[in-house]
């Protein structure tokens, strides 16, 4: 079984490492530092940590002011409240004003499962992707999260970084390069392309192994940057296979599936199926239970691929 680690731990480790190198980094939190693990940065750099309280709008507005003053603020809060309540501040004070603010949405996807439906952000990517100038990054695991934090710091402009709370399998490698806007080809194939983001990379790789046993060759393309999306990689893979499946721990409306559909419809028509949450809210439970409930598993990806290919592979 693969080693597991919480993406939030990778986030905290990278933030501290960058903080030691760059004095312009400041961290703001909406009174959830223990859960977000930003308390580790606070312990190391207390003079550069600011608890704004349970006030996401003030959090983002203050971060924008700090960016204007020359700092590089990482503004942290639960993703559901941050993207929902502070959307206007992100739209005007951050994106319209093109301020160098890093928005960090914690407890992402199903990782806040036991906190209930209101705390499950299954729409945050869609909201952030709609904002002009906003870069949207969704790492697969703790290792990739560390790279994403560093890339976000060096990127000049608004960034939304999606961070999970609970441990997930480590499926990426430290030696792999990470570049904003560049997809990573994890497996070559000829029959169907599986395009994943976030923790669905692991399930997509398992699905490809299941399909191989059915003599179906699956290509796995990992999209860690939803915006700007790697159109070239998507077009090239779709042109080769002609069949595409997207897999995301997010609503199929406005997320990865929608972004890929836009690319394909404009540049490379292909048969497409989207796997994610189907226009619904979450429920209370454990993360594994919700992944099963939403059918965000390798088995569904493999079954969808076989169905999509139909008579061609029979």
Protein backbone atom coordinates (compact mmCIF):
# COMPACT_ATOMS: atom_id res chain seq x y z
CA UNK A 1 0.00 0.00 0.00
CA UNK A 2 1.26 3.47 -0.89
CA UNK A 3 2.48 5.75 1.87
CA UNK A 4 -0.10 8.29 2.95
CA UNK A 5 0.25 11.87 4.10
CA UNK A 6 -2.14 14.78 4.47
CA UNK A 7 -1.79 17.42 1.72
CA UNK A 8 -2.08 20.09 4.43
CA UNK A 9 1.18 18.75 5.92
CA UNK A 10 2.93 19.23 2.58
CA UNK A 11 1.49 22.73 2.46
CA UNK A 12 2.76 23.57 5.96
CA UNK A 13 6.23 22.15 5.32
CA UNK A 14 6.65 24.10 2.10
CA UNK A 15 5.35 27.31 3.66
CA UNK A 16 7.89 27.12 6.49
CA UNK A 17 10.72 26.32 4.09
CA UNK A 18 9.81 29.30 1.90
CA UNK A 19 9.39 31.48 4.97
CA UNK A 20 12.98 30.75 5.95
CA UNK A 21 14.16 31.89 2.52
CA UNK A 22 11.87 34.85 1.86
CA UNK A 23 11.00 37.46 4.45
CA UNK A 24 8.19 38.91 2.33
CA UNK A 25 5.94 35.89 2.97
CA UNK A 26 3.13 36.53 5.44
CA UNK A 27 0.39 34.13 6.47
CA UNK A 28 -3.18 35.10 7.32
CA UNK A 29 -5.69 32.72 8.84
CA UNK A 30 -9.43 32.74 9.58
CA UNK A 31 -9.16 31.32 13.10
CA UNK A 32 -8.50 27.75 11.97
CA UNK A 33 -4.71 27.60 12.20
CA UNK A 34 -4.59 24.22 13.93
CA UNK A 35 -6.76 22.56 11.31
CA UNK A 36 -4.94 24.31 8.46
CA UNK A 37 -1.57 23.58 10.09
CA UNK A 38 -0.62 27.23 9.62
CA UNK A 39 0.06 27.20 13.37
CA UNK A 40 3.43 25.65 12.46
CA UNK A 41 4.31 28.79 10.50
CA UNK A 42 3.01 30.88 13.38
CA UNK A 43 5.30 29.08 15.83
CA UNK A 44 8.32 29.65 13.58
CA UNK A 45 7.52 33.21 12.43
CA UNK A 46 5.04 34.76 14.90
CA UNK A 47 5.66 38.28 13.62
CA UNK A 48 4.55 37.23 10.12
CA UNK A 49 1.36 35.43 11.10
CA UNK A 50 -2.01 37.18 11.42
CA UNK A 51 -5.20 35.61 12.73
CA UNK A 52 -7.97 37.70 11.18
CA UNK A 53 -10.71 35.69 12.87
CA UNK A 54 -13.79 34.05 11.40
CA UNK A 55 -14.17 36.80 8.82
CA UNK A 56 -13.22 35.56 5.37
CA UNK A 57 -14.05 38.84 3.65
CA UNK A 58 -11.69 40.73 5.96
CA UNK A 59 -9.09 38.00 5.48
CA UNK A 60 -8.97 38.53 1.72
CA UNK A 61 -9.20 42.31 1.92
CA UNK A 62 -6.34 42.47 4.42
CA UNK A 63 -4.26 40.13 2.26
CA UNK A 64 -4.81 42.41 -0.72
CA UNK A 65 -3.60 45.38 1.31
CA UNK A 66 -0.49 43.49 2.36
CA UNK A 67 0.20 42.61 -1.27
CA UNK A 68 0.01 46.30 -2.18
CA UNK A 69 2.56 46.92 0.59
CA UNK A 70 4.97 44.47 -1.06
CA UNK A 71 4.29 41.32 0.91
CA UNK A 72 3.36 37.91 -0.52
CA UNK A 73 0.32 36.91 1.55
CA UNK A 74 -1.03 33.37 1.83
CA UNK A 75 -4.66 33.77 2.97
CA UNK A 76 -5.97 30.57 4.59
CA UNK A 77 -9.51 29.46 5.43
CA UNK A 78 -11.89 26.58 4.85
CA UNK A 79 -12.48 26.43 1.11
CA UNK A 80 -16.26 26.44 1.31
CA UNK A 81 -16.45 29.64 3.36
CA UNK A 82 -13.48 31.31 1.70
CA UNK A 83 -14.66 30.95 -1.90
CA UNK A 84 -18.31 31.53 -1.06
CA UNK A 85 -18.27 34.43 1.38
CA UNK A 86 -15.21 36.27 0.09
CA UNK A 87 -15.90 35.91 -3.64
CA UNK A 88 -16.52 39.64 -4.05
CA UNK A 89 -13.26 40.56 -2.31
CA UNK A 90 -11.36 38.08 -4.47
CA UNK A 91 -13.06 39.41 -7.58
CA UNK A 92 -12.35 43.09 -6.92
CA UNK A 93 -9.54 43.47 -4.37
CA UNK A 94 -7.46 40.57 -5.66
CA UNK A 95 -8.20 39.74 -9.30
CA UNK A 96 -9.53 43.01 -10.74
CA UNK A 97 -6.73 44.85 -8.94
CA UNK A 98 -4.27 42.13 -9.97
CA UNK A 99 -2.78 41.85 -6.51
CA UNK A 100 -0.23 39.16 -5.70
CA UNK A 101 -2.39 37.22 -3.22
CA UNK A 102 -2.33 33.46 -2.69
CA UNK A 103 -5.78 32.21 -1.70
CA UNK A 104 -5.59 28.85 0.09
CA UNK A 105 -8.78 26.80 0.39
CA UNK A 106 -8.48 24.13 3.07
CA UNK A 107 -10.64 21.07 3.88
CA UNK A 108 -11.12 20.67 0.16
CA UNK A 109 -13.36 18.16 -1.58
CA UNK A 110 -14.45 15.26 0.62
CA UNK A 111 -11.72 15.76 3.22
CA UNK A 112 -14.14 17.64 5.50
CA UNK A 113 -16.69 14.83 5.21
CA UNK A 114 -17.41 14.42 8.90
CA UNK A 115 -18.19 18.14 9.25
CA UNK A 116 -21.28 17.84 7.06
CA UNK A 117 -22.73 19.02 3.78
CA UNK A 118 -22.26 22.75 4.47
CA UNK A 119 -18.51 22.26 4.91
CA UNK A 120 -17.87 20.27 1.72
CA UNK A 121 -16.54 22.56 -1.00
CA UNK A 122 -17.57 20.82 -4.21
CA UNK A 123 -17.97 24.06 -6.17
CA UNK A 124 -14.81 26.00 -5.28
CA UNK A 125 -12.85 25.21 -8.44
CA UNK A 126 -15.76 26.38 -10.57
CA UNK A 127 -15.99 29.66 -8.66
CA UNK A 128 -12.26 30.37 -8.74
CA UNK A 129 -11.88 29.34 -12.35
CA UNK A 130 -14.46 31.95 -13.35
CA UNK A 131 -12.35 34.83 -12.04
CA UNK A 132 -10.15 36.64 -14.58
CA UNK A 133 -6.41 36.51 -13.72
CA UNK A 134 -6.91 33.74 -11.14
CA UNK A 135 -4.60 30.73 -11.42
CA UNK A 136 -6.17 27.54 -10.02
CA UNK A 137 -3.98 24.70 -8.72
CA UNK A 138 -5.22 21.33 -7.41
CA UNK A 139 -2.31 19.08 -6.31
CA UNK A 140 -2.65 15.30 -6.12
CA UNK A 141 -0.89 14.64 -2.81
CA UNK A 142 1.41 16.07 -0.13
CA UNK A 143 4.52 15.79 -2.31
CA UNK A 144 2.99 17.70 -5.19
CA UNK A 145 1.49 20.15 -2.72
CA UNK A 146 4.97 21.23 -1.64
CA UNK A 147 5.90 21.96 -5.24
CA UNK A 148 2.63 23.82 -5.80
CA UNK A 149 3.20 26.12 -2.80
CA UNK A 150 6.64 27.04 -4.12
CA UNK A 151 5.29 27.60 -7.63
CA UNK A 152 2.49 29.77 -6.22
CA UNK A 153 4.99 31.94 -4.36
CA UNK A 154 7.10 32.59 -7.45
CA UNK A 155 4.07 33.19 -9.67
CA UNK A 156 3.23 36.88 -9.86
CA UNK A 157 -0.51 37.32 -9.55
CA UNK A 158 -3.56 35.80 -7.88
CA UNK A 159 -3.50 32.06 -7.15
CA UNK A 160 -6.08 29.70 -5.69
CA UNK A 161 -4.54 26.62 -4.09
CA UNK A 162 -6.82 23.73 -3.07
CA UNK A 163 -5.64 21.84 0.03
CA UNK A 164 -7.04 18.58 1.44
CA UNK A 165 -7.13 17.84 5.15
CA UNK A 166 -6.89 14.07 5.50
CA UNK A 167 -4.08 11.67 4.51
CA UNK A 168 -4.16 10.36 0.94
CA UNK A 169 -1.76 8.02 -0.90
CA UNK A 170 1.47 9.52 -2.23
CA UNK A 171 1.32 8.89 -5.98
CA UNK A 172 3.67 11.58 -7.33
CA UNK A 173 7.47 11.64 -7.16
CA UNK A 174 9.69 14.38 -5.78
CA UNK A 175 11.94 14.34 -8.83
CA UNK A 176 9.05 15.11 -11.19
CA UNK A 177 9.04 18.69 -12.47
CA UNK A 178 6.13 20.95 -11.56
CA UNK A 179 5.24 23.86 -13.78
CA UNK A 180 2.06 25.89 -13.55
CA UNK A 181 -0.09 25.21 -16.60
CA UNK A 182 1.73 22.04 -17.66
CA UNK A 183 0.06 18.64 -17.43
CA UNK A 184 1.99 15.49 -16.53
CA UNK A 185 1.63 12.31 -18.59
CA UNK A 186 1.69 9.43 -16.11
CA UNK A 187 0.86 6.62 -18.48
CA UNK A 188 0.74 6.34 -22.26
CA UNK A 189 -2.18 4.65 -23.96
CA UNK A 190 -3.99 4.37 -27.27
CA UNK A 191 -7.66 3.57 -26.55
CA UNK A 192 -8.87 6.08 -23.97
CA UNK A 193 -7.53 9.12 -22.13
CA UNK A 194 -8.20 9.50 -18.41
CA UNK A 195 -7.68 13.10 -17.33
CA UNK A 196 -7.51 13.59 -13.57
CA UNK A 197 -6.93 16.34 -11.06
CA UNK A 198 -6.23 16.29 -7.32
CA UNK A 199 -6.52 13.01 -5.46
CA UNK A 200 -8.26 11.35 -8.41
CA UNK A 201 -4.85 10.73 -9.97
CA UNK A 202 -4.42 7.68 -7.75
CA UNK A 203 -7.83 6.27 -8.72
CA UNK A 204 -7.13 6.97 -12.38
CA UNK A 205 -3.88 5.02 -12.28
CA UNK A 206 -5.67 2.09 -10.64
CA UNK A 207 -8.37 2.28 -13.32
CA UNK A 208 -5.74 2.13 -16.05
CA UNK A 209 -4.37 -1.06 -14.49
CA UNK A 210 -7.86 -2.57 -14.38
CA UNK A 211 -8.44 -1.66 -18.01
CA UNK A 212 -5.14 -3.21 -19.03
CA UNK A 213 -6.47 -6.55 -17.80
CA UNK A 214 -9.37 -6.04 -20.22
CA UNK A 215 -6.94 -5.34 -23.07
CA UNK A 216 -7.84 -1.66 -23.03
CA UNK A 217 -4.92 0.76 -23.27
CA UNK A 218 -5.56 3.82 -21.10
CA UNK A 219 -3.55 7.01 -21.11
CA UNK A 220 -3.45 8.91 -17.80
CA UNK A 221 -2.95 12.67 -17.95
CA UNK A 222 -2.71 14.58 -14.66
CA UNK A 223 -3.91 18.19 -14.69
CA UNK A 224 -2.69 19.90 -11.51
CA UNK A 225 -3.42 23.35 -12.95
CA UNK A 226 -7.05 23.79 -13.88
CA UNK A 227 -6.39 27.34 -15.03
CA UNK A 228 -4.49 27.99 -17.19
CA UNK A 229 -5.21 24.50 -18.49
CA UNK A 230 -2.73 22.66 -20.71
CA UNK A 231 -4.68 22.71 -23.95
CA UNK A 232 -1.80 21.30 -25.97
CA UNK A 233 -1.53 18.16 -23.84
CA UNK A 234 -5.29 17.57 -23.85
CA UNK A 235 -5.57 18.04 -27.60
CA UNK A 236 -2.65 15.73 -28.33
CA UNK A 237 -3.98 12.94 -26.14
CA UNK A 238 -7.56 13.23 -27.38
CA UNK A 239 -6.35 13.19 -30.98
CA UNK A 240 -4.57 9.91 -30.26
CA UNK A 241 -7.33 8.07 -28.39
CA UNK A 242 -10.55 9.77 -29.48
CA UNK A 243 -12.13 8.95 -26.10
CA UNK A 244 -11.75 11.03 -22.92
CA UNK A 245 -12.82 10.61 -19.30
CA UNK A 246 -12.32 13.31 -16.68
CA UNK A 247 -12.10 12.47 -12.97
CA UNK A 248 -12.34 15.07 -10.21
CA UNK A 249 -13.28 15.32 -6.54
CA UNK A 250 -15.56 18.24 -7.37
CA UNK A 251 -18.78 18.99 -9.20
CA UNK A 252 -18.77 18.10 -12.88
CA UNK A 253 -20.25 21.57 -13.43
CA UNK A 254 -17.54 24.18 -13.90
CA UNK A 255 -14.57 22.10 -12.80
CA UNK A 256 -12.06 19.95 -14.66
CA UNK A 257 -14.72 18.22 -16.74
CA UNK A 258 -16.11 21.51 -17.98
CA UNK A 259 -12.65 22.90 -18.71
CA UNK A 260 -11.70 19.83 -20.75
CA UNK A 261 -15.05 19.90 -22.57
CA UNK A 262 -14.36 23.48 -23.62
CA UNK A 263 -10.96 22.54 -25.02
CA UNK A 264 -12.29 19.53 -26.89
CA UNK A 265 -15.33 21.30 -28.34
CA UNK A 266 -13.19 24.09 -29.74
CA UNK A 267 -10.07 22.22 -30.85
CA UNK A 268 -10.35 18.42 -30.88
CA UNK A 269 -13.82 16.83 -30.82
CA UNK A 270 -13.81 13.51 -28.94
CA UNK A 271 -16.22 11.35 -26.99
CA UNK A 272 -16.24 12.57 -23.39
CA UNK A 273 -17.56 11.37 -20.05
CA UNK A 274 -17.18 13.38 -16.83
CA UNK A 275 -16.79 11.74 -13.43
CA UNK A 276 -17.31 13.88 -10.34
CA UNK A 277 -20.18 14.88 -8.09
CA UNK A 278 -23.36 15.18 -10.12
CA UNK A 279 -25.02 18.51 -9.29
CA UNK A 280 -25.54 17.69 -5.64
CA UNK A 281 -24.44 18.63 -2.14
CA UNK A 282 -22.38 16.43 0.11
CA UNK A 283 -23.46 14.57 3.23
CA UNK A 284 -21.87 13.74 6.57
CA UNK A 285 -19.66 10.68 6.79
CA UNK A 286 -16.07 9.56 6.47
CA UNK A 287 -13.97 10.54 3.49
CA UNK A 288 -13.78 6.98 2.15
CA UNK A 289 -17.54 6.63 2.54
CA UNK A 290 -18.17 9.77 0.52
CA UNK A 291 -15.75 8.72 -2.20
CA UNK A 292 -17.75 5.49 -2.44
CA UNK A 293 -21.08 7.33 -2.33
CA UNK A 294 -20.05 9.70 -5.12
CA UNK A 295 -18.51 6.77 -7.05
CA UNK A 296 -15.15 8.52 -7.26
CA UNK A 297 -13.33 5.23 -7.54
CA UNK A 298 -11.18 3.34 -10.01
CA UNK A 299 -13.91 0.81 -10.67
CA UNK A 300 -16.30 3.46 -11.97
CA UNK A 301 -13.61 5.06 -14.12
CA UNK A 302 -12.75 1.68 -15.66
CA UNK A 303 -16.41 0.78 -16.22
CA UNK A 304 -17.07 4.17 -17.81
CA UNK A 305 -14.10 3.71 -20.12
CA UNK A 306 -15.30 0.29 -21.24
CA UNK A 307 -18.78 1.66 -21.83
CA UNK A 308 -17.45 4.67 -23.72
CA UNK A 309 -15.37 2.52 -26.03
CA UNK A 310 -18.31 0.22 -26.67
CA UNK A 311 -18.14 -2.07 -29.67
CA UNK A 312 -14.69 -0.90 -30.71
CA UNK A 313 -12.94 -2.99 -28.06
CA UNK A 314 -15.31 -5.98 -27.97
